[in-house]
Each structure stands twice: as structure tokens, then as C-alpha cells.
């Protein structure tokens, strides 16, 4: 799976949890999940679980804590595959 495909899939996973939908129109690797997209920290756990299911990977708590931006999530998935 290419980086672009992973990026699109990660954005799709984030979409239901985003409280700032306008930010999705200009989402990029540097977009902050908590700050720009307004995904609250409790929902970030749900995002990580969805990523595990969607990509068939296991994400440790430490790895999940390192996910701050959309690019962080994409990089994590690419490393784990």
C-alpha cells in the first residue's frame, strides 16, 4: 500500500471523529489531529482501534501516544506494515 493510499484511508478513519469538518478540506501531513481537527483525546483511542482493524496492525500505547498529526498516523501505519 502506497503512502497516498494510507493517507486517504487514515483521513477516512478520522472523518467520523472530527469536530471541525472544514479542516478536512485542507488536511495534510502536518494537520494536528487534536488541534486542527478537534478530535478529543478519548476519541483518539477509537481512531487508533479503527486504524488497527483497517490496516491489520497492532499499535502499542507508546506508539499511540506519539500520534499527533495525520502524518504521524500515516508514518506509523507504514512502519507497522
PDB file of N, CA and C in Angstrom:
ATOM      1  N   UNK A   1       0.849  -1.180   0.000  1.00  0.00           N
ATOM      2  CA  UNK A   1       0.000   0.000   0.000  1.00  0.00           C
ATOM      3  C   UNK A   1       0.892   1.240   0.000  1.00  0.00           C
ATOM      4  N   UNK A   2       0.593   2.139  -0.895  1.00  0.00           N
ATOM      5  CA  UNK A   2       1.406   3.351  -1.051  1.00  0.00           C
ATOM      6  C   UNK A   2       1.028   4.395   0.016  1.00  0.00           C
ATOM      7  N   UNK A   3       1.939   5.356   0.211  1.00  0.00           N
ATOM      8  CA  UNK A   3       1.725   6.394   1.220  1.00  0.00           C
ATOM      9  C   UNK A   3       0.428   7.166   0.961  1.00  0.00           C
ATOM     10  N   UNK A   4       0.142   7.466  -0.300  1.00  0.00           N
ATOM     11  CA  UNK A   4      -1.076   8.213  -0.638  1.00  0.00           C
ATOM     12  C   UNK A   4      -2.323   7.429  -0.252  1.00  0.00           C
ATOM     13  N   UNK A   5      -2.293   6.133  -0.484  1.00  0.00           N
ATOM     14  CA  UNK A   5      -3.435   5.284  -0.131  1.00  0.00           C
ATOM     15  C   UNK A   5      -3.629   5.227   1.378  1.00  0.00           C
ATOM     16  N   UNK A   6      -2.520   5.108   2.107  1.00  0.00           N
ATOM     17  CA  UNK A   6      -2.589   5.086   3.571  1.00  0.00           C
ATOM     18  C   UNK A   6      -3.125   6.417   4.073  1.00  0.00           C
ATOM     19  N   UNK A   7      -2.639   7.522   3.511  1.00  0.00           N
ATOM     20  CA  UNK A   7      -3.095   8.859   3.907  1.00  0.00           C
ATOM     21  C   UNK A   7      -4.618   8.972   3.731  1.00  0.00           C
ATOM     22  N   UNK A   8      -5.101   8.582   2.569  1.00  0.00           N
ATOM     23  CA  UNK A   8      -6.537   8.683   2.295  1.00  0.00           C
ATOM     24  C   UNK A   8      -7.358   7.808   3.242  1.00  0.00           C
ATOM     25  N   UNK A   9      -6.843   6.624   3.539  1.00  0.00           N
ATOM     26  CA  UNK A   9      -7.554   5.725   4.439  1.00  0.00           C
ATOM     27  C   UNK A   9      -7.563   6.263   5.866  1.00  0.00           C
ATOM     28  N   UNK A  10      -6.438   6.842   6.299  1.00  0.00           N
ATOM     29  CA  UNK A  10      -6.360   7.438   7.638  1.00  0.00           C
ATOM     30  C   UNK A  10      -7.344   8.606   7.744  1.00  0.00           C
ATOM     31  N   UNK A  11      -7.395   9.455   6.734  1.00  0.00           N
ATOM     32  CA  UNK A  11      -8.341  10.580   6.745  1.00  0.00           C
ATOM     33  C   UNK A  11      -9.769  10.046   6.805  1.00  0.00           C
ATOM     34  N   UNK A  12     -10.054   8.977   6.076  1.00  0.00           N
ATOM     35  CA  UNK A  12     -11.383   8.363   6.124  1.00  0.00           C
ATOM     36  C   UNK A  12     -11.729   7.836   7.505  1.00  0.00           C
ATOM     37  N   UNK A  13     -10.737   7.270   8.178  1.00  0.00           N
ATOM     38  CA  UNK A  13     -10.950   6.780   9.547  1.00  0.00           C
ATOM     39  C   UNK A  13     -11.209   7.943  10.493  1.00  0.00           C
ATOM     40  N   UNK A  14     -10.497   9.036  10.310  1.00  0.00           N
ATOM     41  CA  UNK A  14     -10.644  10.207  11.176  1.00  0.00           C
ATOM     42  C   UNK A  14     -11.985  10.916  10.990  1.00  0.00           C
ATOM     43  N   UNK A  15     -12.493  10.891   9.785  1.00  0.00           N
ATOM     44  CA  UNK A  15     -13.653  11.705   9.407  1.00  0.00           C
ATOM     45  C   UNK A  15     -14.821  11.661  10.406  1.00  0.00           C
ATOM     46  N   UNK A  16     -15.277  10.495  10.852  1.00  0.00           N
ATOM     47  CA  UNK A  16     -16.419  10.482  11.784  1.00  0.00           C
ATOM     48  C   UNK A  16     -16.122  11.092  13.155  1.00  0.00           C
ATOM     49  N   UNK A  17     -14.852  11.234  13.492  1.00  0.00           N
ATOM     50  CA  UNK A  17     -14.468  11.733  14.811  1.00  0.00           C
ATOM     51  C   UNK A  17     -14.126  13.220  14.817  1.00  0.00           C
ATOM     52  N   UNK A  18     -14.064  13.816  13.647  1.00  0.00           N
ATOM     53  CA  UNK A  18     -13.642  15.214  13.502  1.00  0.00           C
ATOM     54  C   UNK A  18     -14.765  16.159  13.922  1.00  0.00           C
ATOM     55  N   UNK A  19     -14.428  17.125  14.782  1.00  0.00           N
ATOM     56  CA  UNK A  19     -15.410  18.116  15.215  1.00  0.00           C
ATOM     57  C   UNK A  19     -15.240  19.436  14.469  1.00  0.00           C
ATOM     58  N   UNK A  20     -14.278  19.474  13.565  1.00  0.00           N
ATOM     59  CA  UNK A  20     -14.017  20.664  12.752  1.00  0.00           C
ATOM     60  C   UNK A  20     -13.974  20.217  11.289  1.00  0.00           C
ATOM     61  N   UNK A  21     -15.145  19.881  10.702  1.00  0.00           N
ATOM     62  CA  UNK A  21     -15.174  19.288   9.358  1.00  0.00           C
ATOM     63  C   UNK A  21     -14.552  20.169   8.271  1.00  0.00           C
ATOM     64  N   UNK A  22     -14.578  21.497   8.439  1.00  0.00           N
ATOM     65  CA  UNK A  22     -13.978  22.380   7.441  1.00  0.00           C
ATOM     66  C   UNK A  22     -12.473  22.122   7.320  1.00  0.00           C
ATOM     67  N   UNK A  23     -11.863  21.696   8.409  1.00  0.00           N
ATOM     68  CA  UNK A  23     -10.427  21.429   8.401  1.00  0.00           C
ATOM     69  C   UNK A  23     -10.083  20.236   7.508  1.00  0.00           C
ATOM     70  N   UNK A  24     -11.043  19.352   7.285  1.00  0.00           N
ATOM     71  CA  UNK A  24     -10.790  18.189   6.422  1.00  0.00           C
ATOM     72  C   UNK A  24     -10.549  18.605   4.972  1.00  0.00           C
ATOM     73  N   UNK A  25     -11.071  19.767   4.596  1.00  0.00           N
ATOM     74  CA  UNK A  25     -10.903  20.242   3.224  1.00  0.00           C
ATOM     75  C   UNK A  25      -9.447  20.589   2.913  1.00  0.00           C
ATOM     76  N   UNK A  26      -8.681  20.897   3.930  1.00  0.00           N
ATOM     77  CA  UNK A  26      -7.284  21.280   3.722  1.00  0.00           C
ATOM     78  C   UNK A  26      -6.339  20.403   4.561  1.00  0.00           C
ATOM     79  N   UNK A  27      -6.761  19.181   4.811  1.00  0.00           N
ATOM     80  CA  UNK A  27      -5.961  18.268   5.625  1.00  0.00           C
ATOM     81  C   UNK A  27      -4.677  17.885   4.897  1.00  0.00           C
ATOM     82  N   UNK A  28      -3.600  17.813   5.657  1.00  0.00           N
ATOM     83  CA  UNK A  28      -2.301  17.435   5.120  1.00  0.00           C
ATOM     84  C   UNK A  28      -1.511  16.708   6.188  1.00  0.00           C
ATOM     85  N   UNK A  29      -0.302  16.307   5.890  1.00  0.00           N
ATOM     86  CA  UNK A  29       0.505  15.571   6.864  1.00  0.00           C
ATOM     87  C   UNK A  29       0.749  16.331   8.171  1.00  0.00           C
ATOM     88  N   UNK A  30       0.812  17.655   8.098  1.00  0.00           N
ATOM     89  CA  UNK A  30       1.090  18.453   9.297  1.00  0.00           C
ATOM     90  C   UNK A  30      -0.168  18.814  10.087  1.00  0.00           C
ATOM     91  N   UNK A  31      -1.328  18.399   9.609  1.00  0.00           N
ATOM     92  CA  UNK A  31      -2.579  18.713  10.298  1.00  0.00           C
ATOM     93  C   UNK A  31      -2.601  18.020  11.661  1.00  0.00           C
ATOM     94  N   UNK A  32      -2.813  18.809  12.708  1.00  0.00           N
ATOM     95  CA  UNK A  32      -2.890  18.271  14.068  1.00  0.00           C
ATOM     96  C   UNK A  32      -4.249  17.604  14.272  1.00  0.00           C
ATOM     97  N   UNK A  33      -4.221  16.371  14.729  1.00  0.00           N
ATOM     98  CA  UNK A  33      -5.471  15.643  14.945  1.00  0.00           C
ATOM     99  C   UNK A  33      -6.261  16.270  16.085  1.00  0.00           C
ATOM    100  N   UNK A  34      -5.581  16.580  17.181  1.00  0.00           N
ATOM    101  CA  UNK A  34      -6.272  17.167  18.322  1.00  0.00           C
ATOM    102  C   UNK A  34      -6.564  18.652  18.120  1.00  0.00           C
ATOM    103  N   UNK A  35      -5.578  19.391  17.612  1.00  0.00           N
ATOM    104  CA  UNK A  35      -5.709  20.842  17.486  1.00  0.00           C
ATOM    105  C   UNK A  35      -6.529  21.297  16.301  1.00  0.00           C
ATOM    106  N   UNK A  36      -6.158  20.856  15.095  1.00  0.00           N
ATOM    107  CA  UNK A  36      -6.830  21.334  13.883  1.00  0.00           C
ATOM    108  C   UNK A  36      -8.166  20.637  13.620  1.00  0.00           C
ATOM    109  N   UNK A  37      -8.179  19.321  13.821  1.00  0.00           N
ATOM    110  CA  UNK A  37      -9.401  18.553  13.519  1.00  0.00           C
ATOM    111  C   UNK A  37     -10.334  18.469  14.714  1.00  0.00           C
ATOM    112  N   UNK A  38      -9.834  18.856  15.888  1.00  0.00           N
ATOM    113  CA  UNK A  38     -10.629  18.875  17.123  1.00  0.00           C
ATOM    114  C   UNK A  38     -11.154  17.487  17.510  1.00  0.00           C
ATOM    115  N   UNK A  39     -10.345  16.464  17.252  1.00  0.00           N
ATOM    116  CA  UNK A  39     -10.670  15.122  17.735  1.00  0.00           C
ATOM    117  C   UNK A  39     -10.245  15.094  19.197  1.00  0.00           C
ATOM    118  N   UNK A  40     -11.180  14.794  20.118  1.00  0.00           N
ATOM    119  CA  UNK A  40     -10.772  14.805  21.522  1.00  0.00           C
ATOM    120  C   UNK A  40      -9.955  13.564  21.854  1.00  0.00           C
ATOM    121  N   UNK A  41      -9.203  13.639  22.929  1.00  0.00           N
ATOM    122  CA  UNK A  41      -8.238  12.586  23.248  1.00  0.00           C
ATOM    123  C   UNK A  41      -8.912  11.244  23.496  1.00  0.00           C
ATOM    124  N   UNK A  42     -10.115  11.237  24.034  1.00  0.00           N
ATOM    125  CA  UNK A  42     -10.831   9.973  24.241  1.00  0.00           C
ATOM    126  C   UNK A  42     -11.171   9.334  22.902  1.00  0.00           C
ATOM    127  N   UNK A  43     -11.548  10.141  21.937  1.00  0.00           N
ATOM    128  CA  UNK A  43     -11.885   9.637  20.607  1.00  0.00           C
ATOM    129  C   UNK A  43     -10.651   9.199  19.839  1.00  0.00           C
ATOM    130  N   UNK A  44      -9.495   9.741  20.204  1.00  0.00           N
ATOM    131  CA  UNK A  44      -8.258   9.335  19.544  1.00  0.00           C
ATOM    132  C   UNK A  44      -7.987   7.844  19.788  1.00  0.00           C
ATOM    133  N   UNK A  45      -8.400   7.351  20.951  1.00  0.00           N
ATOM    134  CA  UNK A  45      -8.290   5.919  21.237  1.00  0.00           C
ATOM    135  C   UNK A  45      -9.122   5.130  20.221  1.00  0.00           C
ATOM    136  N   UNK A  46     -10.329   5.607  19.940  1.00  0.00           N
ATOM    137  CA  UNK A  46     -11.182   4.952  18.946  1.00  0.00           C
ATOM    138  C   UNK A  46     -10.542   4.985  17.556  1.00  0.00           C
ATOM    139  N   UNK A  47      -9.905   6.096  17.235  1.00  0.00           N
ATOM    140  CA  UNK A  47      -9.225   6.225  15.943  1.00  0.00           C
ATOM    141  C   UNK A  47      -8.116   5.176  15.839  1.00  0.00           C
ATOM    142  N   UNK A  48      -7.340   5.031  16.906  1.00  0.00           N
ATOM    143  CA  UNK A  48      -6.247   4.051  16.906  1.00  0.00           C
ATOM    144  C   UNK A  48      -6.801   2.634  16.733  1.00  0.00           C
ATOM    145  N   UNK A  49      -7.889   2.318  17.424  1.00  0.00           N
ATOM    146  CA  UNK A  49      -8.507   0.994  17.287  1.00  0.00           C
ATOM    147  C   UNK A  49      -8.990   0.761  15.858  1.00  0.00           C
ATOM    148  N   UNK A  50      -9.575   1.788  15.264  1.00  0.00           N
ATOM    149  CA  UNK A  50     -10.025   1.688  13.865  1.00  0.00           C
ATOM    150  C   UNK A  50      -8.843   1.480  12.927  1.00  0.00           C
ATOM    151  N   UNK A  51      -7.739   2.164  13.202  1.00  0.00           N
ATOM    152  CA  UNK A  51      -6.545   2.002  12.370  1.00  0.00           C
ATOM    153  C   UNK A  51      -6.013   0.579  12.482  1.00  0.00           C
ATOM    154  N   UNK A  52      -6.010   0.037  13.695  1.00  0.00           N
ATOM    155  CA  UNK A  52      -5.550  -1.344  13.874  1.00  0.00           C
ATOM    156  C   UNK A  52      -6.386  -2.308  13.039  1.00  0.00           C
ATOM    157  N   UNK A  53      -7.694  -2.147  13.098  1.00  0.00           N
ATOM    158  CA  UNK A  53      -8.593  -3.019  12.329  1.00  0.00           C
ATOM    159  C   UNK A  53      -8.425  -2.822  10.826  1.00  0.00           C
ATOM    160  N   UNK A  54      -8.389  -1.575  10.394  1.00  0.00           N
ATOM    161  CA  UNK A  54      -8.350  -1.270   8.960  1.00  0.00           C
ATOM    162  C   UNK A  54      -7.061  -1.738   8.295  1.00  0.00           C
ATOM    163  N   UNK A  55      -5.957  -1.656   9.032  1.00  0.00           N
ATOM    164  CA  UNK A  55      -4.665  -1.981   8.435  1.00  0.00           C
ATOM    165  C   UNK A  55      -4.106  -3.324   8.905  1.00  0.00           C
ATOM    166  N   UNK A  56      -4.811  -3.993   9.829  1.00  0.00           N
ATOM    167  CA  UNK A  56      -4.345  -5.281  10.321  1.00  0.00           C
ATOM    168  C   UNK A  56      -3.037  -5.196  11.080  1.00  0.00           C
ATOM    169  N   UNK A  57      -2.911  -4.161  11.918  1.00  0.00           N
ATOM    170  CA  UNK A  57      -1.683  -3.948  12.687  1.00  0.00           C
ATOM    171  C   UNK A  57      -2.023  -3.832  14.174  1.00  0.00           C
ATOM    172  N   UNK A  58      -1.010  -3.941  15.010  1.00  0.00           N
ATOM    173  CA  UNK A  58      -1.156  -3.704  16.444  1.00  0.00           C
ATOM    174  C   UNK A  58      -0.367  -2.446  16.788  1.00  0.00           C
ATOM    175  N   UNK A  59      -1.001  -1.555  17.547  1.00  0.00           N
ATOM    176  CA  UNK A  59      -0.375  -0.288  17.930  1.00  0.00           C
ATOM    177  C   UNK A  59      -0.285  -0.251  19.450  1.00  0.00           C
ATOM    178  N   UNK A  60       0.925  -0.125  19.967  1.00  0.00           N
ATOM    179  CA  UNK A  60       1.121  -0.069  21.424  1.00  0.00           C
ATOM    180  C   UNK A  60       0.663   1.288  21.959  1.00  0.00           C
ATOM    181  N   UNK A  61       0.500   1.348  23.268  1.00  0.00           N
ATOM    182  CA  UNK A  61       0.115   2.613  23.898  1.00  0.00           C
ATOM    183  C   UNK A  61       1.157   3.697  23.633  1.00  0.00           C
ATOM    184  N   UNK A  62       2.436   3.310  23.685  1.00  0.00           N
ATOM    185  CA  UNK A  62       3.511   4.274  23.458  1.00  0.00           C
ATOM    186  C   UNK A  62       3.451   4.816  22.023  1.00  0.00           C
ATOM    187  N   UNK A  63       3.195   3.915  21.073  1.00  0.00           N
ATOM    188  CA  UNK A  63       3.086   4.344  19.681  1.00  0.00           C
ATOM    189  C   UNK A  63       1.872   5.248  19.490  1.00  0.00           C
ATOM    190  N   UNK A  64       0.764   4.893  20.117  1.00  0.00           N
ATOM    191  CA  UNK A  64      -0.455   5.707  20.011  1.00  0.00           C
ATOM    192  C   UNK A  64      -0.213   7.099  20.577  1.00  0.00           C
ATOM    193  N   UNK A  65       0.550   7.181  21.662  1.00  0.00           N
ATOM    194  CA  UNK A  65       0.844   8.476  22.285  1.00  0.00           C
ATOM    195  C   UNK A  65       1.685   9.369  21.376  1.00  0.00           C
ATOM    196  N   UNK A  66       2.394   8.767  20.427  1.00  0.00           N
ATOM    197  CA  UNK A  66       3.260   9.552  19.540  1.00  0.00           C
ATOM    198  C   UNK A  66       2.504  10.131  18.346  1.00  0.00           C
ATOM    199  N   UNK A  67       1.249   9.729  18.179  1.00  0.00           N
ATOM    200  CA  UNK A  67       0.450  10.205  17.040  1.00  0.00           C
ATOM    201  C   UNK A  67      -0.157  11.558  17.388  1.00  0.00           C
ATOM    202  N   UNK A  68       0.373  12.590  16.766  1.00  0.00           N
ATOM    203  CA  UNK A  68      -0.111  13.958  16.984  1.00  0.00           C
ATOM    204  C   UNK A  68      -0.736  14.539  15.713  1.00  0.00           C
ATOM    205  N   UNK A  69      -0.178  14.160  14.572  1.00  0.00           N
ATOM    206  CA  UNK A  69      -0.636  14.713  13.296  1.00  0.00           C
ATOM    207  C   UNK A  69      -1.094  13.586  12.377  1.00  0.00           C
ATOM    208  N   UNK A  70      -1.729  13.965  11.301  1.00  0.00           N
ATOM    209  CA  UNK A  70      -2.142  12.986  10.299  1.00  0.00           C
ATOM    210  C   UNK A  70      -0.908  12.286   9.743  1.00  0.00           C
ATOM    211  N   UNK A  71       0.156  13.038   9.522  1.00  0.00           N
ATOM    212  CA  UNK A  71       1.407  12.462   9.033  1.00  0.00           C
ATOM    213  C   UNK A  71       2.007  11.453  10.002  1.00  0.00           C
ATOM    214  N   UNK A  72       1.888  11.726  11.311  1.00  0.00           N
ATOM    215  CA  UNK A  72       2.363  10.772  12.320  1.00  0.00           C
ATOM    216  C   UNK A  72       1.619   9.454  12.183  1.00  0.00           C
ATOM    217  N   UNK A  73       0.303   9.530  11.991  1.00  0.00           N
ATOM    218  CA  UNK A  73      -0.517   8.326  11.864  1.00  0.00           C
ATOM    219  C   UNK A  73      -0.126   7.543  10.615  1.00  0.00           C
ATOM    220  N   UNK A  74       0.067   8.250   9.510  1.00  0.00           N
ATOM    221  CA  UNK A  74       0.454   7.604   8.258  1.00  0.00           C
ATOM    222  C   UNK A  74       1.821   6.936   8.404  1.00  0.00           C
ATOM    223  N   UNK A  75       2.773   7.640   8.982  1.00  0.00           N
ATOM    224  CA  UNK A  75       4.117   7.078   9.179  1.00  0.00           C
ATOM    225  C   UNK A  75       4.078   5.833  10.052  1.00  0.00           C
ATOM    226  N   UNK A  76       3.264   5.876  11.100  1.00  0.00           N
ATOM    227  CA  UNK A  76       3.136   4.729  11.992  1.00  0.00           C
ATOM    228  C   UNK A  76       2.596   3.510  11.240  1.00  0.00           C
ATOM    229  N   UNK A  77       1.560   3.715  10.471  1.00  0.00           N
ATOM    230  CA  UNK A  77       0.979   2.616   9.696  1.00  0.00           C
ATOM    231  C   UNK A  77       2.014   2.054   8.721  1.00  0.00           C
ATOM    232  N   UNK A  78       2.724   2.917   8.030  1.00  0.00           N
ATOM    233  CA  UNK A  78       3.705   2.455   7.053  1.00  0.00           C
ATOM    234  C   UNK A  78       4.839   1.671   7.718  1.00  0.00           C
ATOM    235  N   UNK A  79       5.228   2.077   8.925  1.00  0.00           N
ATOM    236  CA  UNK A  79       6.267   1.354   9.657  1.00  0.00           C
ATOM    237  C   UNK A  79       5.785  -0.028  10.111  1.00  0.00           C
ATOM    238  N   UNK A  80       4.512  -0.121  10.466  1.00  0.00           N
ATOM    239  CA  UNK A  80       3.964  -1.351  11.029  1.00  0.00           C
ATOM    240  C   UNK A  80       3.589  -2.382   9.961  1.00  0.00           C
ATOM    241  N   UNK A  81       3.471  -1.984   8.714  1.00  0.00           N
ATOM    242  CA  UNK A  81       3.022  -2.908   7.661  1.00  0.00           C
ATOM    243  C   UNK A  81       4.172  -3.678   7.081  1.00  0.00           C
TER     244      UNK A  81
END
